[in-house]
Amino acid sequence: MTQPYPDPVPPAPTPGPSPEPPGPSPFPDPVPNPGGPDPGPGPSPGPGPVPNPGGPDPVPGPEPVPSPSPVPKPPGPDPVPEPQPRPEPLS
């Protein structure tokens, strides 16, 4: 009986330690950056708010017109007196 697949490939051997230590870096050491000067306080915020002197005085309006006095009503008829109960006669 034949196998349908060939034998698996044996794993590659693991590499051993490098015989030479790593050489020096081709790049120089980084130069430390001391930072630039302080930016300073910045521009002045400008003058303060301009005072508002206010507008002109308001123009006085016209004098108020007095309302006319009410017209007196003519007197009405005399009220009808209510009838008084008659006294009972003495017996």
Protein backbone atom coordinates (compact mmCIF):
# COMPACT_ATOMS: atom_id res chain seq x y z
CA MET A 1 0.00 0.00 0.00
CA THR A 2 1.43 3.37 -1.04
CA GLN A 3 1.19 6.62 0.89
CA PRO A 4 -0.75 9.39 -0.86
CA TYR A 5 1.64 12.09 0.36
CA PRO A 6 5.45 12.18 0.50
CA ASP A 7 7.26 12.20 3.81
CA PRO A 8 7.22 15.58 5.57
CA VAL A 9 10.24 17.81 5.19
CA PRO A 10 12.41 17.71 8.30
CA PRO A 11 12.60 21.04 10.15
CA ALA A 12 15.57 23.28 9.50
CA PRO A 13 18.24 23.29 12.17
CA THR A 14 18.08 26.25 14.57
CA PRO A 15 21.00 28.64 14.16
CA GLY A 16 23.46 28.75 16.99
CA PRO A 17 24.79 31.85 18.70
CA SER A 18 26.59 34.38 16.50
CA PRO A 19 30.33 33.90 16.64
CA GLU A 20 31.03 37.67 16.56
CA PRO A 21 29.63 40.31 18.92
CA PRO A 22 27.67 43.09 17.24
CA GLY A 23 29.83 45.89 15.95
CA PRO A 24 29.57 49.58 16.82
CA SER A 25 26.50 51.47 15.69
CA PRO A 26 27.00 53.31 12.40
CA PHE A 27 25.05 56.30 13.82
CA PRO A 28 26.54 58.76 16.34
CA ASP A 29 25.01 59.22 19.75
CA PRO A 30 22.05 61.56 19.66
CA VAL A 31 22.85 65.15 20.61
CA PRO A 32 20.77 66.29 23.58
CA ASN A 33 18.35 69.11 22.74
CA PRO A 34 18.61 71.80 25.42
CA GLY A 35 15.42 73.49 24.19
CA GLY A 36 14.96 76.96 22.85
CA PRO A 37 14.52 80.20 24.75
CA ASP A 38 11.31 80.88 26.67
CA PRO A 39 8.64 82.31 24.41
CA GLY A 40 8.08 85.30 26.69
CA PRO A 41 4.87 86.74 28.08
CA GLY A 42 3.33 87.39 24.67
CA PRO A 43 1.61 90.48 23.35
CA SER A 44 -0.21 92.88 25.63
CA PRO A 45 -3.94 92.28 25.85
CA GLY A 46 -4.52 95.91 24.88
CA PRO A 47 -6.11 98.83 26.67
CA GLY A 48 -9.04 98.37 28.97
CA PRO A 49 -12.63 98.85 27.92
CA VAL A 50 -13.56 102.30 26.69
CA PRO A 51 -15.87 104.00 29.18
CA ASN A 52 -19.37 104.64 27.90
CA PRO A 53 -20.31 108.28 28.56
CA GLY A 54 -23.97 107.53 28.03
CA GLY A 55 -26.35 109.01 25.55
CA PRO A 56 -28.07 112.40 25.59
CA ASP A 57 -30.71 113.18 28.15
CA PRO A 58 -34.14 112.08 27.05
CA VAL A 59 -36.36 114.79 25.58
CA PRO A 60 -39.22 115.55 27.95
CA GLY A 61 -42.58 114.61 26.55
CA PRO A 62 -45.62 116.87 26.34
CA GLU A 63 -47.40 117.90 29.49
CA PRO A 64 -50.14 115.46 30.37
CA VAL A 65 -53.58 116.70 29.37
CA PRO A 66 -55.94 116.67 32.36
CA SER A 67 -58.94 114.50 31.79
CA PRO A 68 -62.23 116.41 31.66
CA SER A 69 -64.29 116.41 34.78
CA PRO A 70 -67.18 113.98 34.63
CA VAL A 71 -70.51 115.44 33.59
CA PRO A 72 -72.83 115.47 36.61
CA LYS A 73 -75.87 113.29 36.20
CA PRO A 74 -79.21 114.97 36.60
CA PRO A 75 -81.04 113.86 39.70
CA GLY A 76 -83.44 111.06 39.08
CA PRO A 77 -87.02 110.86 40.35
CA ASP A 78 -87.60 110.68 44.06
CA PRO A 79 -87.64 107.16 45.28
CA VAL A 80 -91.08 105.80 46.05
CA PRO A 81 -91.40 105.37 49.81
CA GLU A 82 -92.15 101.89 50.93
CA PRO A 83 -95.64 101.44 52.38
CA GLN A 84 -95.67 101.42 56.18
CA PRO A 85 -97.78 98.85 57.99
CA ARG A 86 -100.94 100.36 59.41
CA PRO A 87 -101.25 100.34 63.14
CA GLU A 88 -103.93 98.01 64.34
CA PRO A 89 -106.94 99.76 65.84
CA LEU A 90 -107.22 99.68 69.60
CA SER A 91 -110.30 97.82 70.75
